[in-house]
Full PDB file with SEQRES, HELIX, SHEET, SSBOND, CRYST1, ORIGX, SCALE, CONECT and MASTER records, all heavy atoms in Angstrom:
SEQRES   1 A   31  TYR LYS ASP ILE GLN ILE ASP LYS LYS ILE ILE THR ASP          
SEQRES   2 A   31  LYS GLY ILE LEU VAL GLY ALA GLU ARG ASP CYS ILE LEU          
SEQRES   3 A   31  GLY ASN ASP LEU THR                                          
HELIX    1 AA1 LYS A    8  ILE A   10  5                                   3    
SHEET    1 AA1 3 ILE A  11  THR A  12  0                                        
SHEET    2 AA1 3 GLY A  15  VAL A  18 -1                                        
SHEET    3 AA1 3 CYS A  24  GLY A  27 -1                                        
CRYST1    1.000    1.000    1.000  90.00  90.00  90.00 P 1           1          
ORIGX1      1.000000  0.000000  0.000000        0.00000                         
ORIGX2      0.000000  1.000000  0.000000        0.00000                         
ORIGX3      0.000000  0.000000  1.000000        0.00000                         
SCALE1      1.000000  0.000000  0.000000        0.00000                         
SCALE2      0.000000  1.000000  0.000000        0.00000                         
SCALE3      0.000000  0.000000  1.000000        0.00000                         
ATOM      1  N   TYR A   1      -3.798 -11.041  10.491  1.00  0.00           N  
ATOM      2  CA  TYR A   1      -4.280 -11.469  11.806  1.00  0.00           C  
ATOM      3  C   TYR A   1      -5.693 -10.955  12.078  1.00  0.00           C  
ATOM      4  O   TYR A   1      -6.536 -11.653  12.642  1.00  0.00           O  
ATOM      5  CB  TYR A   1      -3.300 -10.983  12.883  1.00  0.00           C  
ATOM      6  CG  TYR A   1      -3.763 -11.153  14.298  1.00  0.00           C  
ATOM      7  CD1 TYR A   1      -3.850 -12.416  14.874  1.00  0.00           C  
ATOM      8  CD2 TYR A   1      -4.104 -10.050  15.066  1.00  0.00           C  
ATOM      9  CE1 TYR A   1      -4.279 -12.571  16.195  1.00  0.00           C  
ATOM     10  CE2 TYR A   1      -4.532 -10.197  16.383  1.00  0.00           C  
ATOM     11  CZ  TYR A   1      -4.617 -11.451  16.927  1.00  0.00           C  
ATOM     12  OH  TYR A   1      -5.043 -11.612  18.214  1.00  0.00           O  
ATOM     13  N   LYS A   2      -5.983  -9.712  11.673  1.00  0.00           N  
ATOM     14  CA  LYS A   2      -7.290  -9.093  11.900  1.00  0.00           C  
ATOM     15  C   LYS A   2      -8.251  -9.309  10.727  1.00  0.00           C  
ATOM     16  O   LYS A   2      -9.350  -8.778  10.727  1.00  0.00           O  
ATOM     17  CB  LYS A   2      -7.133  -7.588  12.152  1.00  0.00           C  
ATOM     18  CG  LYS A   2      -6.503  -7.268  13.477  1.00  0.00           C  
ATOM     19  CD  LYS A   2      -7.418  -7.666  14.611  1.00  0.00           C  
ATOM     20  CE  LYS A   2      -6.904  -7.200  15.943  1.00  0.00           C  
ATOM     21  NZ  LYS A   2      -7.846  -7.428  17.034  1.00  0.00           N  
ATOM     22  N   ASP A   3      -7.821 -10.097   9.730  1.00  0.00           N  
ATOM     23  CA  ASP A   3      -8.624 -10.379   8.544  1.00  0.00           C  
ATOM     24  C   ASP A   3      -9.035  -9.101   7.803  1.00  0.00           C  
ATOM     25  O   ASP A   3     -10.171  -8.947   7.366  1.00  0.00           O  
ATOM     26  CB  ASP A   3      -9.858 -11.216   8.902  1.00  0.00           C  
ATOM     27  CG  ASP A   3     -10.439 -11.914   7.688  1.00  0.00           C  
ATOM     28  OD1 ASP A   3      -9.676 -12.203   6.750  1.00  0.00           O  
ATOM     29  OD2 ASP A   3     -11.665 -12.143   7.661  1.00  0.00           O  
ATOM     30  N   ILE A   4      -8.084  -8.173   7.691  1.00  0.00           N  
ATOM     31  CA  ILE A   4      -8.286  -6.941   6.936  1.00  0.00           C  
ATOM     32  C   ILE A   4      -7.702  -7.166   5.549  1.00  0.00           C  
ATOM     33  O   ILE A   4      -6.507  -7.432   5.408  1.00  0.00           O  
ATOM     34  CB  ILE A   4      -7.580  -5.738   7.611  1.00  0.00           C  
ATOM     35  CG1 ILE A   4      -8.137  -5.528   9.021  1.00  0.00           C  
ATOM     36  CG2 ILE A   4      -7.725  -4.487   6.756  1.00  0.00           C  
ATOM     37  CD1 ILE A   4      -7.340  -4.549   9.853  1.00  0.00           C  
ATOM     38  N   GLN A   5      -8.548  -7.108   4.553  1.00  0.00           N  
ATOM     39  CA  GLN A   5      -8.120  -7.339   3.176  1.00  0.00           C  
ATOM     40  C   GLN A   5      -7.473  -6.081   2.603  1.00  0.00           C  
ATOM     41  O   GLN A   5      -8.002  -4.983   2.761  1.00  0.00           O  
ATOM     42  CB  GLN A   5      -9.324  -7.727   2.315  1.00  0.00           C  
ATOM     43  CG  GLN A   5     -10.061  -8.959   2.806  1.00  0.00           C  
ATOM     44  CD  GLN A   5      -9.193 -10.205   2.799  1.00  0.00           C  
ATOM     45  OE1 GLN A   5      -8.495 -10.484   1.837  1.00  0.00           O  
ATOM     46  NE2 GLN A   5      -9.227 -10.962   3.889  1.00  0.00           N  
ATOM     47  N   ILE A   6      -6.347  -6.252   1.932  1.00  0.00           N  
ATOM     48  CA  ILE A   6      -5.683  -5.159   1.218  1.00  0.00           C  
ATOM     49  C   ILE A   6      -5.836  -5.432  -0.269  1.00  0.00           C  
ATOM     50  O   ILE A   6      -5.488  -6.521  -0.741  1.00  0.00           O  
ATOM     51  CB  ILE A   6      -4.187  -5.061   1.591  1.00  0.00           C  
ATOM     52  CG1 ILE A   6      -4.013  -4.836   3.092  1.00  0.00           C  
ATOM     53  CG2 ILE A   6      -3.524  -3.929   0.804  1.00  0.00           C  
ATOM     54  CD1 ILE A   6      -2.573  -4.871   3.571  1.00  0.00           C  
ATOM     55  N   ASP A   7      -6.365  -4.463  -0.986  1.00  0.00           N  
ATOM     56  CA  ASP A   7      -6.564  -4.592  -2.429  1.00  0.00           C  
ATOM     57  C   ASP A   7      -5.212  -4.874  -3.094  1.00  0.00           C  
ATOM     58  O   ASP A   7      -4.275  -4.096  -2.970  1.00  0.00           O  
ATOM     59  CB  ASP A   7      -7.173  -3.299  -2.969  1.00  0.00           C  
ATOM     60  CG  ASP A   7      -7.520  -3.355  -4.436  1.00  0.00           C  
ATOM     61  OD1 ASP A   7      -7.138  -4.327  -5.127  1.00  0.00           O  
ATOM     62  OD2 ASP A   7      -8.179  -2.410  -4.899  1.00  0.00           O  
ATOM     63  N   LYS A   8      -5.129  -5.987  -3.780  1.00  0.00           N  
ATOM     64  CA  LYS A   8      -3.863  -6.388  -4.417  1.00  0.00           C  
ATOM     65  C   LYS A   8      -3.393  -5.375  -5.461  1.00  0.00           C  
ATOM     66  O   LYS A   8      -2.207  -5.298  -5.760  1.00  0.00           O  
ATOM     67  CB  LYS A   8      -4.016  -7.769  -5.045  1.00  0.00           C  
ATOM     68  CG  LYS A   8      -4.163  -8.876  -4.002  1.00  0.00           C  
ATOM     69  CD  LYS A   8      -4.224 -10.235  -4.642  1.00  0.00           C  
ATOM     70  CE  LYS A   8      -4.395 -11.390  -3.714  1.00  0.00           C  
ATOM     71  NZ  LYS A   8      -4.599 -11.205  -2.328  1.00  0.00           N  
ATOM     72  N   LYS A   9      -4.313  -4.576  -6.001  1.00  0.00           N  
ATOM     73  CA  LYS A   9      -3.948  -3.580  -7.019  1.00  0.00           C  
ATOM     74  C   LYS A   9      -3.106  -2.446  -6.449  1.00  0.00           C  
ATOM     75  O   LYS A   9      -2.447  -1.743  -7.196  1.00  0.00           O  
ATOM     76  CB  LYS A   9      -5.207  -3.001  -7.669  1.00  0.00           C  
ATOM     77  CG  LYS A   9      -5.943  -3.995  -8.538  1.00  0.00           C  
ATOM     78  CD  LYS A   9      -7.125  -3.321  -9.202  1.00  0.00           C  
ATOM     79  CE  LYS A   9      -8.367  -4.070  -8.795  1.00  0.00           C  
ATOM     80  NZ  LYS A   9      -9.594  -3.385  -9.045  1.00  0.00           N  
ATOM     81  N   ILE A  10      -3.136  -2.260  -5.122  1.00  0.00           N  
ATOM     82  CA  ILE A  10      -2.354  -1.161  -4.547  1.00  0.00           C  
ATOM     83  C   ILE A  10      -1.041  -1.642  -3.933  1.00  0.00           C  
ATOM     84  O   ILE A  10      -0.264  -0.840  -3.428  1.00  0.00           O  
ATOM     85  CB  ILE A  10      -3.175  -0.350  -3.523  1.00  0.00           C  
ATOM     86  CG1 ILE A  10      -3.550  -1.180  -2.290  1.00  0.00           C  
ATOM     87  CG2 ILE A  10      -4.409   0.260  -4.181  1.00  0.00           C  
ATOM     88  CD1 ILE A  10      -4.165  -0.373  -1.156  1.00  0.00           C  
ATOM     89  N   ILE A  11      -0.786  -2.941  -3.995  1.00  0.00           N  
ATOM     90  CA  ILE A  11       0.471  -3.491  -3.479  1.00  0.00           C  
ATOM     91  C   ILE A  11       1.469  -3.590  -4.622  1.00  0.00           C  
ATOM     92  O   ILE A  11       1.175  -4.173  -5.664  1.00  0.00           O  
ATOM     93  CB  ILE A  11       0.254  -4.874  -2.842  1.00  0.00           C  
ATOM     94  CG1 ILE A  11      -0.700  -4.775  -1.652  1.00  0.00           C  
ATOM     95  CG2 ILE A  11       1.585  -5.478  -2.404  1.00  0.00           C  
ATOM     96  CD1 ILE A  11      -1.092  -6.102  -1.055  1.00  0.00           C  
ATOM     97  N   THR A  12       2.641  -2.994  -4.436  1.00  0.00           N  
ATOM     98  CA  THR A  12       3.697  -3.051  -5.449  1.00  0.00           C  
ATOM     99  C   THR A  12       4.947  -3.662  -4.815  1.00  0.00           C  
ATOM    100  O   THR A  12       4.982  -3.894  -3.606  1.00  0.00           O  
ATOM    101  CB  THR A  12       4.041  -1.645  -5.986  1.00  0.00           C  
ATOM    102  OG1 THR A  12       4.760  -0.925  -4.965  1.00  0.00           O  
ATOM    103  CG2 THR A  12       2.795  -0.870  -6.379  1.00  0.00           C  
ATOM    104  N   ASP A  13       5.971  -3.863  -5.613  1.00  0.00           N  
ATOM    105  CA  ASP A  13       7.221  -4.382  -5.060  1.00  0.00           C  
ATOM    106  C   ASP A  13       7.928  -3.358  -4.171  1.00  0.00           C  
ATOM    107  O   ASP A  13       8.797  -3.701  -3.391  1.00  0.00           O  
ATOM    108  CB  ASP A  13       8.150  -4.873  -6.171  1.00  0.00           C  
ATOM    109  CG  ASP A  13       8.498  -3.800  -7.178  1.00  0.00           C  
ATOM    110  OD1 ASP A  13       7.777  -2.791  -7.271  1.00  0.00           O  
ATOM    111  OD2 ASP A  13       9.509  -3.970  -7.882  1.00  0.00           O  
ATOM    112  N   LYS A  14       7.533  -2.079  -4.267  1.00  0.00           N  
ATOM    113  CA  LYS A  14       8.143  -1.034  -3.448  1.00  0.00           C  
ATOM    114  C   LYS A  14       7.321  -0.672  -2.224  1.00  0.00           C  
ATOM    115  O   LYS A  14       7.778   0.058  -1.366  1.00  0.00           O  
ATOM    116  CB  LYS A  14       8.374   0.216  -4.285  1.00  0.00           C  
ATOM    117  CG  LYS A  14       9.405   0.001  -5.371  1.00  0.00           C  
ATOM    118  CD  LYS A  14       9.647   1.268  -6.130  1.00  0.00           C  
ATOM    119  CE  LYS A  14      10.677   1.035  -7.222  1.00  0.00           C  
ATOM    120  NZ  LYS A  14      10.962   2.256  -7.948  1.00  0.00           N  
ATOM    121  N   GLY A  15       6.065  -1.160  -2.151  1.00  0.00           N  
ATOM    122  CA  GLY A  15       5.216  -0.843  -1.010  1.00  0.00           C  
ATOM    123  C   GLY A  15       3.753  -0.761  -1.392  1.00  0.00           C  
ATOM    124  O   GLY A  15       3.326  -1.364  -2.376  1.00  0.00           O  
ATOM    125  N   ILE A  16       2.992   0.024  -0.623  1.00  0.00           N  
ATOM    126  CA  ILE A  16       1.553   0.174  -0.828  1.00  0.00           C  
ATOM    127  C   ILE A  16       1.265   1.567  -1.375  1.00  0.00           C  
ATOM    128  O   ILE A  16       1.718   2.569  -0.812  1.00  0.00           O  
ATOM    129  CB  ILE A  16       0.784  -0.034   0.491  1.00  0.00           C  
ATOM    130  CG1 ILE A  16       1.004  -1.449   1.033  1.00  0.00           C  
ATOM    131  CG2 ILE A  16      -0.715   0.219   0.291  1.00  0.00           C  
ATOM    132  CD1 ILE A  16       0.377  -1.688   2.388  1.00  0.00           C  
ATOM    133  N   LEU A  17       0.492   1.619  -2.455  1.00  0.00           N  
ATOM    134  CA  LEU A  17       0.072   2.901  -3.015  1.00  0.00           C  
ATOM    135  C   LEU A  17      -0.989   3.502  -2.101  1.00  0.00           C  
ATOM    136  O   LEU A  17      -1.935   2.833  -1.706  1.00  0.00           O  
ATOM    137  CB  LEU A  17      -0.480   2.716  -4.424  1.00  0.00           C  
ATOM    138  CG  LEU A  17       0.523   2.164  -5.444  1.00  0.00           C  
ATOM    139  CD1 LEU A  17      -0.179   1.852  -6.756  1.00  0.00           C  
ATOM    140  CD2 LEU A  17       1.665   3.139  -5.657  1.00  0.00           C  
ATOM    141  N   VAL A  18      -0.827   4.786  -1.780  1.00  0.00           N  
ATOM    142  CA  VAL A  18      -1.647   5.446  -0.772  1.00  0.00           C  
ATOM    143  C   VAL A  18      -2.346   6.665  -1.365  1.00  0.00           C  
ATOM    144  O   VAL A  18      -1.824   7.315  -2.263  1.00  0.00           O  
ATOM    145  CB  VAL A  18      -0.754   5.870   0.422  1.00  0.00           C  
ATOM    146  CG1 VAL A  18      -1.506   6.709   1.422  1.00  0.00           C  
ATOM    147  CG2 VAL A  18      -0.148   4.658   1.100  1.00  0.00           C  
ATOM    148  N   GLY A  19      -3.523   6.970  -0.820  1.00  0.00           N  
ATOM    149  CA  GLY A  19      -4.276   8.158  -1.197  1.00  0.00           C  
ATOM    150  C   GLY A  19      -5.242   7.892  -2.338  1.00  0.00           C  
ATOM    151  O   GLY A  19      -5.152   6.886  -3.033  1.00  0.00           O  
ATOM    152  N   ALA A  20      -6.171   8.804  -2.523  1.00  0.00           N  
ATOM    153  CA  ALA A  20      -7.179   8.656  -3.571  1.00  0.00           C  
ATOM    154  C   ALA A  20      -6.555   8.654  -4.959  1.00  0.00           C  
ATOM    155  O   ALA A  20      -6.996   7.942  -5.855  1.00  0.00           O  
ATOM    156  CB  ALA A  20      -8.213   9.768  -3.464  1.00  0.00           C  
ATOM    157  N   GLU A  21      -5.506   9.441  -5.139  1.00  0.00           N  
ATOM    158  CA  GLU A  21      -4.835   9.529  -6.442  1.00  0.00           C  
ATOM    159  C   GLU A  21      -3.724   8.498  -6.603  1.00  0.00           C  
ATOM    160  O   GLU A  21      -3.125   8.396  -7.677  1.00  0.00           O  
ATOM    161  CB  GLU A  21      -4.255  10.935  -6.641  1.00  0.00           C  
ATOM    162  CG  GLU A  21      -5.266  12.054  -6.519  1.00  0.00           C  
ATOM    163  CD  GLU A  21      -6.354  11.950  -7.569  1.00  0.00           C  
ATOM    164  OE1 GLU A  21      -6.047  11.613  -8.726  1.00  0.00           O  
ATOM    165  OE2 GLU A  21      -7.528  12.213  -7.225  1.00  0.00           O  
ATOM    166  N   ARG A  22      -3.419   7.762  -5.527  1.00  0.00           N  
ATOM    167  CA  ARG A  22      -2.347   6.759  -5.536  1.00  0.00           C  
ATOM    168  C   ARG A  22      -1.023   7.376  -5.988  1.00  0.00           C  
ATOM    169  O   ARG A  22      -0.248   6.776  -6.720  1.00  0.00           O  
ATOM    170  CB  ARG A  22      -2.703   5.556  -6.417  1.00  0.00           C  
ATOM    171  CG  ARG A  22      -3.988   4.875  -6.044  1.00  0.00           C  
ATOM    172  CD  ARG A  22      -3.887   4.248  -4.683  1.00  0.00           C  
ATOM    173  NE  ARG A  22      -5.146   3.554  -4.366  1.00  0.00           N  
ATOM    174  CZ  ARG A  22      -5.607   3.412  -3.147  1.00  0.00           C  
ATOM    175  NH1 ARG A  22      -4.940   3.889  -2.125  1.00  0.00           N  
ATOM    176  NH2 ARG A  22      -6.735   2.803  -2.924  1.00  0.00           N  
ATOM    177  N   ASP A  23      -0.770   8.600  -5.504  1.00  0.00           N  
ATOM    178  CA  ASP A  23       0.434   9.317  -5.905  1.00  0.00           C  
ATOM    179  C   ASP A  23       1.542   9.274  -4.854  1.00  0.00           C  
ATOM    180  O   ASP A  23       2.545   9.946  -4.973  1.00  0.00           O  
ATOM    181  CB  ASP A  23       0.099  10.762  -6.265  1.00  0.00           C  
ATOM    182  CG  ASP A  23      -0.589  11.515  -5.137  1.00  0.00           C  
ATOM    183  OD1 ASP A  23      -0.919  10.893  -4.107  1.00  0.00           O  
ATOM    184  OD2 ASP A  23      -0.798  12.732  -5.293  1.00  0.00           O  
ATOM    185  N   CYS A  24       1.336   8.458  -3.822  1.00  0.00           N  
ATOM    186  CA  CYS A  24       2.364   8.252  -2.803  1.00  0.00           C  
ATOM    187  C   CYS A  24       2.486   6.763  -2.542  1.00  0.00           C  
ATOM    188  O   CYS A  24       1.568   5.988  -2.794  1.00  0.00           O  
ATOM    189  CB  CYS A  24       1.993   8.962  -1.498  1.00  0.00           C  
ATOM    190  SG  CYS A  24       2.048  10.747  -1.621  1.00  0.00           S  
ATOM    191  N   ILE A  25       3.642   6.380  -2.037  1.00  0.00           N  
ATOM    192  CA  ILE A  25       3.863   4.972  -1.723  1.00  0.00           C  
ATOM    193  C   ILE A  25       4.386   4.868  -0.297  1.00  0.00           C  
ATOM    194  O   ILE A  25       5.260   5.627   0.132  1.00  0.00           O  
ATOM    195  CB  ILE A  25       4.828   4.312  -2.733  1.00  0.00           C  
ATOM    196  CG1 ILE A  25       4.816   2.806  -2.571  1.00  0.00           C  
ATOM    197  CG2 ILE A  25       6.225   4.876  -2.652  1.00  0.00           C  
ATOM    198  CD1 ILE A  25       5.326   2.065  -3.778  1.00  0.00           C  
ATOM    199  N   LEU A  26       3.791   3.938   0.454  1.00  0.00           N  
ATOM    200  CA  LEU A  26       4.243   3.616   1.797  1.00  0.00           C  
ATOM    201  C   LEU A  26       5.252   2.490   1.656  1.00  0.00           C  
ATOM    202  O   LEU A  26       4.900   1.374   1.292  1.00  0.00           O  
ATOM    203  CB  LEU A  26       3.055   3.185   2.666  1.00  0.00           C  
ATOM    204  CG  LEU A  26       3.351   2.863   4.120  1.00  0.00           C  
ATOM    205  CD1 LEU A  26       3.784   4.124   4.869  1.00  0.00           C  
ATOM    206  CD2 LEU A  26       2.124   2.245   4.779  1.00  0.00           C  
ATOM    207  N   GLY A  27       6.520   2.806   1.884  1.00  0.00           N  
ATOM    208  CA  GLY A  27       7.604   1.856   1.658  1.00  0.00           C  
ATOM    209  C   GLY A  27       7.795   0.873   2.795  1.00  0.00           C  
ATOM    210  O   GLY A  27       7.157   0.960   3.850  1.00  0.00           O  
ATOM    211  N   ASN A  28       8.707  -0.069   2.591  1.00  0.00           N  
ATOM    212  CA  ASN A  28       8.992  -1.098   3.574  1.00  0.00           C  
ATOM    213  C   ASN A  28       9.398  -0.510   4.926  1.00  0.00           C  
ATOM    214  O   ASN A  28       9.112  -1.087   5.972  1.00  0.00           O  
ATOM    215  CB  ASN A  28      10.083  -2.050   3.074  1.00  0.00           C  
ATOM    216  CG  ASN A  28      10.303  -3.203   4.035  1.00  0.00           C  
ATOM    217  OD1 ASN A  28       9.363  -3.903   4.393  1.00  0.00           O  
ATOM    218  ND2 ASN A  28      11.537  -3.382   4.478  1.00  0.00           N  
ATOM    219  N   ASP A  29      10.049   0.638   4.920  1.00  0.00           N  
ATOM    220  CA  ASP A  29      10.473   1.270   6.166  1.00  0.00           C  
ATOM    221  C   ASP A  29       9.374   2.144   6.773  1.00  0.00           C  
ATOM    222  O   ASP A  29       9.600   2.846   7.750  1.00  0.00           O  
ATOM    223  CB  ASP A  29      11.745   2.084   5.957  1.00  0.00           C  
ATOM    224  CG  ASP A  29      11.542   3.240   4.988  1.00  0.00           C  
ATOM    225  OD1 ASP A  29      10.444   3.366   4.387  1.00  0.00           O  
ATOM    226  OD2 ASP A  29      12.486   4.040   4.839  1.00  0.00           O  
ATOM    227  N   LEU A  30       8.161   2.128   6.179  1.00  0.00           N  
ATOM    228  CA  LEU A  30       6.979   2.862   6.644  1.00  0.00           C  
ATOM    229  C   LEU A  30       7.096   4.365   6.489  1.00  0.00           C  
ATOM    230  O   LEU A  30       6.418   5.131   7.178  1.00  0.00           O  
ATOM    231  CB  LEU A  30       6.620   2.475   8.077  1.00  0.00           C  
ATOM    232  CG  LEU A  30       6.279   1.008   8.290  1.00  0.00           C  
ATOM    233  CD1 LEU A  30       6.049   0.714   9.761  1.00  0.00           C  
ATOM    234  CD2 LEU A  30       5.042   0.615   7.471  1.00  0.00           C  
ATOM    235  N   THR A  31       7.953   4.820   5.582  1.00  0.00           N  
ATOM    236  CA  THR A  31       7.970   6.231   5.232  1.00  0.00           C  
ATOM    237  C   THR A  31       7.126   6.406   3.964  1.00  0.00           C  
ATOM    238  O   THR A  31       6.989   5.480   3.157  1.00  0.00           O  
ATOM    239  CB  THR A  31       9.392   6.774   4.994  1.00  0.00           C  
ATOM    240  OG1 THR A  31      10.017   6.009   3.978  1.00  0.00           O  
ATOM    241  CG2 THR A  31      10.214   6.736   6.270  1.00  0.00           C  
TER     242      THR A  31                                                      
MASTER        0    0    0    1    3    0    0    6  241    1    0    3          
END                                                                             
């Protein structure tokens, strides 16, 4: 809606990879 692009490389089937090291995942339940 806000035209904010999310890098497809950080989107997985389990959620979004977070942080500089991509060592955490933001899951569907937002934990």
